[in-house]
N, C-alpha and C. Protein backbone atom coordinates (compact mmCIF):
# COMPACT_ATOMS: atom_id res chain seq x y z
N MET A 1 0.80 -1.13 -0.07
CA MET A 1 0.07 0.09 0.05
C MET A 1 0.90 1.32 -0.02
N SER A 2 0.58 2.32 -0.79
CA SER A 2 1.25 3.47 -0.88
C SER A 2 1.38 4.08 0.41
N THR A 3 2.42 5.08 0.72
CA THR A 3 2.54 5.82 2.04
C THR A 3 1.52 6.90 1.83
N MET A 4 0.77 7.02 2.99
CA MET A 4 -0.05 8.10 3.30
C MET A 4 -0.56 7.94 4.68
N ASN A 5 -1.38 8.91 4.98
CA ASN A 5 -1.91 8.81 6.45
C ASN A 5 -2.57 7.56 6.80
N GLU A 6 -1.91 6.73 7.61
CA GLU A 6 -2.32 5.55 7.94
C GLU A 6 -3.80 5.64 8.73
N ASN A 7 -3.96 6.74 9.51
CA ASN A 7 -5.23 6.80 10.11
C ASN A 7 -6.39 7.10 9.24
N LEU A 8 -6.03 7.69 8.04
CA LEU A 8 -7.02 7.88 7.07
C LEU A 8 -7.50 6.58 6.36
N ILE A 9 -6.46 5.90 6.17
CA ILE A 9 -6.75 4.43 5.60
C ILE A 9 -7.51 3.58 6.58
N GLU A 10 -7.27 3.67 7.82
CA GLU A 10 -7.91 2.98 8.98
C GLU A 10 -9.52 3.46 8.81
N LYS A 11 -9.66 4.90 8.64
CA LYS A 11 -11.07 5.34 8.42
C LYS A 11 -11.78 4.71 7.28
N PHE A 12 -11.10 4.53 6.12
CA PHE A 12 -11.72 4.00 5.01
C PHE A 12 -12.16 2.45 5.36
N ARG A 13 -11.35 1.89 6.11
CA ARG A 13 -11.73 0.56 6.45
C ARG A 13 -12.95 0.40 7.40
N GLU A 14 -13.46 1.45 7.88
CA GLU A 14 -14.63 1.58 8.65
C GLU A 14 -15.88 1.47 7.96
N ASP A 15 -15.86 1.52 6.55
CA ASP A 15 -16.96 1.57 5.78
C ASP A 15 -17.73 0.10 5.85
N SER A 16 -18.85 0.38 6.61
CA SER A 16 -19.53 -1.00 6.94
C SER A 16 -20.07 -1.68 5.74
N TYR A 17 -20.57 -0.90 4.72
CA TYR A 17 -21.18 -1.38 3.60
C TYR A 17 -20.24 -2.16 2.67
N ALA A 18 -19.15 -1.59 2.62
CA ALA A 18 -17.79 -2.24 1.74
C ALA A 18 -17.48 -3.57 2.52
N SER A 19 -17.43 -3.41 3.68
CA SER A 19 -17.11 -4.52 4.64
C SER A 19 -17.97 -5.67 4.50
N HIS A 20 -19.29 -5.40 4.43
CA HIS A 20 -20.31 -6.33 4.25
C HIS A 20 -20.35 -7.10 2.98
N LEU A 21 -19.75 -6.31 2.01
CA LEU A 21 -19.60 -6.80 0.62
C LEU A 21 -18.15 -7.48 0.34
N GLU A 22 -17.35 -7.44 1.41
CA GLU A 22 -16.12 -8.03 1.31
C GLU A 22 -15.19 -7.22 0.29
N ILE A 23 -15.42 -6.01 0.28
CA ILE A 23 -14.62 -5.35 -0.67
C ILE A 23 -13.21 -4.90 0.14
N ASN A 24 -12.18 -5.16 -0.42
CA ASN A 24 -10.86 -5.06 0.10
C ASN A 24 -10.00 -3.92 -0.57
N ILE A 25 -9.37 -3.15 0.25
CA ILE A 25 -8.44 -2.11 -0.12
C ILE A 25 -7.17 -2.72 -0.71
N VAL A 26 -6.82 -2.39 -1.86
CA VAL A 26 -5.52 -2.90 -2.50
C VAL A 26 -4.46 -1.67 -2.33
N ASP A 27 -4.82 -0.65 -2.69
CA ASP A 27 -3.91 0.54 -2.56
C ASP A 27 -4.84 1.86 -2.43
N VAL A 28 -4.03 2.97 -1.82
CA VAL A 28 -4.70 4.18 -1.74
C VAL A 28 -3.53 5.18 -1.58
N SER A 29 -3.54 6.17 -2.32
CA SER A 29 -2.72 7.32 -2.35
C SER A 29 -3.45 8.62 -2.57
N GLU A 30 -2.79 9.79 -2.61
CA GLU A 30 -3.54 10.94 -2.85
C GLU A 30 -4.18 10.89 -4.28
N GLY A 31 -5.52 11.02 -4.32
CA GLY A 31 -6.00 11.13 -5.68
C GLY A 31 -6.25 9.73 -6.31
N TYR A 32 -5.98 8.56 -5.61
CA TYR A 32 -6.00 7.40 -6.35
C TYR A 32 -6.46 6.30 -5.24
N ALA A 33 -7.30 5.38 -5.70
CA ALA A 33 -7.61 4.18 -4.90
C ALA A 33 -7.73 2.94 -5.65
N LYS A 34 -7.40 1.85 -5.26
CA LYS A 34 -7.80 0.48 -6.00
C LYS A 34 -8.25 -0.44 -4.96
N VAL A 35 -9.52 -1.29 -5.27
CA VAL A 35 -10.01 -2.03 -4.37
C VAL A 35 -10.44 -3.23 -5.30
N GLU A 36 -10.70 -4.51 -4.47
CA GLU A 36 -11.25 -5.68 -5.01
C GLU A 36 -12.18 -6.29 -4.26
N ALA A 37 -12.90 -7.33 -5.10
CA ALA A 37 -13.83 -8.12 -4.38
C ALA A 37 -14.06 -9.21 -5.46
N VAL A 38 -14.55 -10.41 -4.81
CA VAL A 38 -15.12 -11.60 -5.60
C VAL A 38 -16.63 -11.64 -5.64
N VAL A 39 -17.05 -11.90 -6.83
CA VAL A 39 -18.40 -11.92 -7.08
C VAL A 39 -18.91 -13.18 -6.36
N LYS A 40 -20.06 -13.00 -5.63
CA LYS A 40 -20.59 -14.06 -4.87
C LYS A 40 -22.09 -14.30 -5.36
N GLU A 41 -22.64 -15.51 -5.03
CA GLU A 41 -23.95 -15.92 -5.60
C GLU A 41 -24.98 -14.90 -5.32
N ASP A 42 -24.89 -14.25 -3.90
CA ASP A 42 -25.79 -13.29 -3.50
C ASP A 42 -25.82 -11.94 -4.21
N PHE A 43 -24.71 -11.74 -5.11
CA PHE A 43 -24.65 -10.58 -5.97
C PHE A 43 -25.10 -10.70 -7.32
N LEU A 44 -25.89 -11.86 -7.65
CA LEU A 44 -26.53 -12.05 -9.00
C LEU A 44 -27.81 -11.44 -9.02
N ASN A 45 -28.20 -11.02 -10.15
CA ASN A 45 -29.49 -10.48 -10.43
C ASN A 45 -30.43 -11.66 -10.94
N PHE A 46 -31.56 -11.49 -11.37
CA PHE A 46 -32.53 -12.37 -11.73
C PHE A 46 -32.13 -13.11 -13.03
N ASN A 47 -31.24 -12.43 -13.83
CA ASN A 47 -30.70 -13.20 -14.96
C ASN A 47 -29.56 -14.13 -14.75
N GLY A 48 -29.19 -14.18 -13.51
CA GLY A 48 -27.98 -15.04 -13.10
C GLY A 48 -26.63 -14.40 -13.41
N VAL A 49 -26.44 -13.14 -13.74
CA VAL A 49 -25.37 -12.50 -13.67
C VAL A 49 -24.94 -11.43 -12.71
N CYS A 50 -23.78 -10.89 -12.42
CA CYS A 50 -23.53 -10.06 -11.51
C CYS A 50 -24.19 -8.74 -11.63
N HIS A 51 -25.15 -8.32 -10.55
CA HIS A 51 -25.83 -7.14 -10.53
C HIS A 51 -25.00 -5.96 -10.78
N GLY A 52 -25.49 -5.12 -11.65
CA GLY A 52 -24.92 -3.86 -12.01
C GLY A 52 -24.57 -2.98 -10.68
N GLY A 53 -25.41 -3.19 -9.65
CA GLY A 53 -25.29 -2.37 -8.66
C GLY A 53 -24.09 -2.73 -7.77
N PHE A 54 -23.72 -4.02 -7.82
CA PHE A 54 -22.45 -4.40 -7.23
C PHE A 54 -21.19 -3.84 -7.94
N ILE A 55 -21.22 -3.97 -9.25
CA ILE A 55 -20.23 -3.41 -10.07
C ILE A 55 -20.03 -1.87 -9.64
N PHE A 56 -21.15 -1.18 -9.74
CA PHE A 56 -21.13 0.28 -9.52
C PHE A 56 -20.58 0.56 -8.06
N THR A 57 -21.11 -0.31 -7.08
CA THR A 57 -20.72 -0.14 -5.68
C THR A 57 -18.97 -0.24 -5.52
N LEU A 58 -18.57 -1.35 -6.22
CA LEU A 58 -17.04 -1.63 -6.23
C LEU A 58 -16.46 -0.20 -6.79
N ALA A 59 -16.77 0.41 -7.89
CA ALA A 59 -16.24 1.70 -8.42
C ALA A 59 -16.28 2.71 -7.48
N ASP A 60 -17.60 2.75 -6.83
CA ASP A 60 -18.02 3.87 -5.92
C ASP A 60 -16.99 3.94 -4.59
N VAL A 61 -16.80 2.73 -4.12
CA VAL A 61 -16.00 2.66 -3.09
C VAL A 61 -14.42 3.04 -3.24
N ALA A 62 -14.06 2.74 -4.37
CA ALA A 62 -12.82 3.28 -4.89
C ALA A 62 -12.61 4.76 -5.12
N PHE A 63 -13.84 5.29 -5.61
CA PHE A 63 -13.99 6.64 -5.90
C PHE A 63 -14.10 7.44 -4.48
N SER A 64 -14.65 6.82 -3.53
CA SER A 64 -14.89 7.44 -2.32
C SER A 64 -13.47 7.63 -1.50
N MET A 65 -12.88 6.61 -1.79
CA MET A 65 -11.34 6.74 -1.22
C MET A 65 -10.58 7.62 -1.81
N ALA A 66 -10.51 7.60 -3.06
CA ALA A 66 -9.64 8.54 -4.03
C ALA A 66 -10.10 9.87 -3.60
N SER A 67 -11.29 10.30 -3.66
CA SER A 67 -11.85 11.67 -3.35
C SER A 67 -11.63 12.20 -2.07
N ASN A 68 -11.56 11.30 -1.06
CA ASN A 68 -11.41 11.69 0.36
C ASN A 68 -9.90 11.47 0.72
N SER A 69 -9.01 11.26 -0.09
CA SER A 69 -7.74 10.88 0.10
C SER A 69 -6.78 12.03 0.63
N HIS A 70 -7.23 13.39 0.40
CA HIS A 70 -6.54 14.54 0.72
C HIS A 70 -6.90 14.89 2.10
N ASN A 71 -7.76 13.93 2.77
CA ASN A 71 -8.37 14.29 4.17
C ASN A 71 -9.05 15.57 4.17
N GLN A 72 -9.79 15.54 3.14
CA GLN A 72 -10.79 16.73 2.99
C GLN A 72 -12.18 16.03 2.39
N GLN A 73 -13.22 16.08 3.38
CA GLN A 73 -14.44 15.75 3.02
C GLN A 73 -14.87 15.86 1.64
N ALA A 74 -15.29 14.88 0.91
CA ALA A 74 -15.67 14.86 -0.45
C ALA A 74 -17.00 14.24 -0.58
N TYR A 75 -18.02 14.83 -1.23
CA TYR A 75 -19.41 14.20 -1.40
C TYR A 75 -19.61 14.19 -2.96
N ALA A 76 -20.12 13.00 -3.56
CA ALA A 76 -20.43 12.89 -4.94
C ALA A 76 -21.63 13.63 -5.27
N ILE A 77 -21.37 14.54 -6.22
CA ILE A 77 -22.52 15.23 -6.82
C ILE A 77 -23.13 14.65 -8.17
N ASN A 78 -22.29 13.96 -8.91
CA ASN A 78 -22.65 13.31 -10.11
C ASN A 78 -21.80 12.05 -10.39
N VAL A 79 -22.43 10.86 -10.72
CA VAL A 79 -21.52 9.69 -11.12
C VAL A 79 -22.24 9.03 -12.29
N SER A 80 -21.60 8.76 -13.27
CA SER A 80 -22.11 7.89 -14.43
C SER A 80 -21.48 6.88 -14.78
N ILE A 81 -22.04 5.71 -15.15
CA ILE A 81 -21.21 4.46 -15.41
C ILE A 81 -21.73 3.84 -16.78
N ASN A 82 -20.67 3.20 -17.51
CA ASN A 82 -21.00 2.55 -18.69
C ASN A 82 -20.51 1.19 -18.49
N PHE A 83 -21.60 0.22 -18.62
CA PHE A 83 -21.09 -1.33 -18.41
C PHE A 83 -20.83 -1.94 -19.90
N MET A 84 -19.58 -2.58 -19.86
CA MET A 84 -19.15 -3.19 -21.36
C MET A 84 -19.35 -4.71 -21.32
N LYS A 85 -19.26 -5.43 -20.14
CA LYS A 85 -19.39 -6.81 -19.99
C LYS A 85 -19.83 -7.17 -18.61
N GLY A 86 -20.25 -8.29 -18.47
CA GLY A 86 -20.90 -8.72 -17.22
C GLY A 86 -19.83 -9.56 -16.46
N ALA A 87 -20.23 -10.16 -15.18
CA ALA A 87 -19.46 -10.83 -14.35
C ALA A 87 -20.26 -12.06 -13.93
N GLN A 88 -19.61 -13.00 -13.36
CA GLN A 88 -20.21 -14.18 -12.93
C GLN A 88 -19.71 -14.34 -11.44
N VAL A 89 -20.47 -15.44 -11.01
CA VAL A 89 -19.82 -16.06 -9.62
C VAL A 89 -18.33 -16.27 -9.58
N GLY A 90 -17.55 -15.93 -8.63
CA GLY A 90 -16.22 -16.41 -8.60
C GLY A 90 -15.35 -15.35 -9.30
N ASP A 91 -15.87 -14.57 -10.15
CA ASP A 91 -14.89 -13.62 -10.84
C ASP A 91 -14.33 -12.61 -9.82
N HIS A 92 -13.04 -12.44 -9.84
CA HIS A 92 -12.33 -11.52 -9.19
C HIS A 92 -12.38 -10.07 -9.91
N LEU A 93 -12.97 -9.04 -9.13
CA LEU A 93 -13.08 -7.77 -9.81
C LEU A 93 -12.17 -6.85 -9.11
N VAL A 94 -11.58 -5.90 -10.02
CA VAL A 94 -10.79 -4.77 -9.22
C VAL A 94 -11.25 -3.46 -9.92
N ALA A 95 -11.52 -2.55 -9.06
CA ALA A 95 -11.71 -1.04 -9.56
C ALA A 95 -10.65 -0.16 -9.00
N GLU A 96 -10.53 0.70 -9.90
CA GLU A 96 -9.47 1.85 -9.79
C GLU A 96 -10.14 3.09 -9.90
N ALA A 97 -9.78 4.17 -9.09
CA ALA A 97 -10.31 5.41 -9.13
C ALA A 97 -9.08 6.47 -9.35
N ARG A 98 -9.16 7.36 -10.23
CA ARG A 98 -8.02 8.24 -10.37
C ARG A 98 -8.77 9.71 -10.52
N GLU A 99 -8.04 10.65 -9.88
CA GLU A 99 -8.38 12.12 -9.77
C GLU A 99 -7.79 12.61 -11.24
N THR A 100 -8.65 13.26 -11.88
CA THR A 100 -8.23 13.80 -13.13
C THR A 100 -8.02 15.31 -13.12
N LYS A 101 -8.72 15.87 -12.15
CA LYS A 101 -8.72 17.37 -11.97
C LYS A 101 -9.30 17.91 -10.64
N LEU A 102 -8.65 18.91 -10.19
CA LEU A 102 -9.17 19.49 -8.84
C LEU A 102 -9.36 20.98 -9.37
N SER A 103 -10.63 21.41 -8.98
CA SER A 103 -11.02 22.89 -9.52
C SER A 103 -11.70 23.49 -8.47
N GLY A 104 -11.09 24.21 -7.43
CA GLY A 104 -11.73 24.78 -6.39
C GLY A 104 -12.38 23.83 -5.49
N PRO A 105 -13.61 23.86 -5.20
CA PRO A 105 -14.34 22.89 -4.29
C PRO A 105 -14.62 21.51 -5.23
N LEU A 106 -14.35 21.54 -6.38
CA LEU A 106 -14.86 20.52 -7.17
C LEU A 106 -13.61 19.44 -7.55
N GLY A 107 -13.97 18.16 -7.54
CA GLY A 107 -12.80 17.16 -7.90
C GLY A 107 -13.53 16.28 -8.95
N PHE A 108 -12.75 15.88 -10.09
CA PHE A 108 -13.14 15.11 -11.17
C PHE A 108 -12.37 13.67 -11.13
N TYR A 109 -13.12 12.70 -11.36
CA TYR A 109 -12.61 11.32 -11.25
C TYR A 109 -13.07 10.49 -12.44
N GLU A 110 -12.04 9.42 -12.68
CA GLU A 110 -12.61 8.43 -13.58
C GLU A 110 -12.28 7.12 -12.80
N MET A 111 -13.12 6.23 -13.05
CA MET A 111 -13.07 4.83 -12.46
C MET A 111 -13.17 3.78 -13.55
N LYS A 112 -12.35 2.69 -13.28
CA LYS A 112 -12.51 1.79 -14.21
C LYS A 112 -12.56 0.38 -13.29
N VAL A 113 -13.43 -0.54 -13.81
CA VAL A 113 -13.61 -1.84 -13.38
C VAL A 113 -13.10 -2.93 -14.07
N TRP A 114 -12.29 -3.86 -13.65
CA TRP A 114 -11.54 -5.00 -14.46
C TRP A 114 -11.92 -6.23 -13.87
N LYS A 115 -12.11 -7.14 -14.78
CA LYS A 115 -12.20 -8.67 -14.68
C LYS A 115 -10.92 -9.23 -15.37
N GLY A 116 -9.89 -9.33 -14.43
CA GLY A 116 -8.64 -9.71 -15.11
C GLY A 116 -8.08 -8.58 -15.97
N ASP A 117 -7.83 -8.68 -17.29
CA ASP A 117 -7.44 -7.74 -18.06
C ASP A 117 -8.39 -7.21 -19.05
N GLU A 118 -9.77 -7.58 -18.64
CA GLU A 118 -11.02 -7.23 -19.51
C GLU A 118 -11.55 -5.89 -18.72
N LEU A 119 -11.85 -4.83 -19.40
CA LEU A 119 -12.52 -3.76 -18.79
C LEU A 119 -13.99 -4.02 -18.99
N ILE A 120 -14.63 -4.09 -17.71
CA ILE A 120 -16.13 -4.44 -17.77
C ILE A 120 -16.95 -3.11 -17.39
N ALA A 121 -16.41 -2.00 -16.84
CA ALA A 121 -17.20 -0.88 -16.55
C ALA A 121 -16.21 0.38 -16.62
N GLU A 122 -16.65 1.46 -16.97
CA GLU A 122 -16.01 2.64 -16.64
C GLU A 122 -16.86 3.80 -16.19
N CYS A 123 -16.50 4.68 -15.29
CA CYS A 123 -17.35 5.69 -14.69
C CYS A 123 -16.64 7.06 -14.83
N GLN A 124 -17.39 8.05 -14.74
CA GLN A 124 -16.88 9.49 -14.43
C GLN A 124 -17.83 9.89 -13.35
N ALA A 125 -16.94 10.94 -12.47
CA ALA A 125 -17.58 11.36 -11.40
C ALA A 125 -17.15 12.72 -11.05
N ILE A 126 -17.97 13.41 -10.25
CA ILE A 126 -17.64 14.59 -9.66
C ILE A 126 -18.01 14.84 -8.20
N VAL A 127 -17.15 15.37 -7.36
CA VAL A 127 -17.40 15.63 -6.04
C VAL A 127 -17.27 17.01 -5.62
N TYR A 128 -17.83 17.43 -4.75
CA TYR A 128 -17.83 18.69 -3.89
C TYR A 128 -17.07 18.51 -2.71
N ARG A 129 -15.94 19.25 -2.54
CA ARG A 129 -14.93 19.14 -1.42
C ARG A 129 -15.15 20.19 -0.47
N LYS A 130 -15.71 19.81 0.77
CA LYS A 130 -15.86 20.55 1.94
C LYS A 130 -14.45 21.00 2.43
N ARG A 131 -14.49 21.89 3.37
CA ARG A 131 -13.31 22.43 3.95
C ARG A 131 -13.02 21.60 5.35
N GLU A 132 -14.02 20.62 5.73
CA GLU A 132 -13.73 19.82 6.86
C GLU A 132 -12.85 18.54 6.57
N PRO A 133 -11.85 18.20 7.50
CA PRO A 133 -11.09 16.98 7.41
C PRO A 133 -12.00 15.84 7.61
N VAL A 134 -11.57 14.62 7.01
CA VAL A 134 -12.26 13.42 7.16
C VAL A 134 -11.73 12.88 8.58
N ILE A 135 -10.70 12.96 9.01
CA ILE A 135 -10.31 12.53 10.51
C ILE A 135 -9.61 13.80 11.18
């Protein structure tokens, strides 16, 4: 894991929803985060494929960490996602979020979700950054 405020990383680990879904932090640095999870049977939709909501959540968790990584509270104001492929039970998914621009109180991010070397979803997002610290 990259060097950054360990207390901030511990705060990210307190995300109960991400923990419930067994989403693991792989790497976090300023403006960047990488997380991973395995698709479980409970994550399937009625067509028997991984629910888009789970794929979105994986990207959103990475986005949340990347956008709050400056220890400045950041709140999503817009997120869009494009799905390219699906996922099945047992697939190992990895999501990465990268900061592309900071402009005053706004932060701009792109996220990608991978199944191996296959891109299955990509997102664009904007946050509003408050002046209060995360920790």
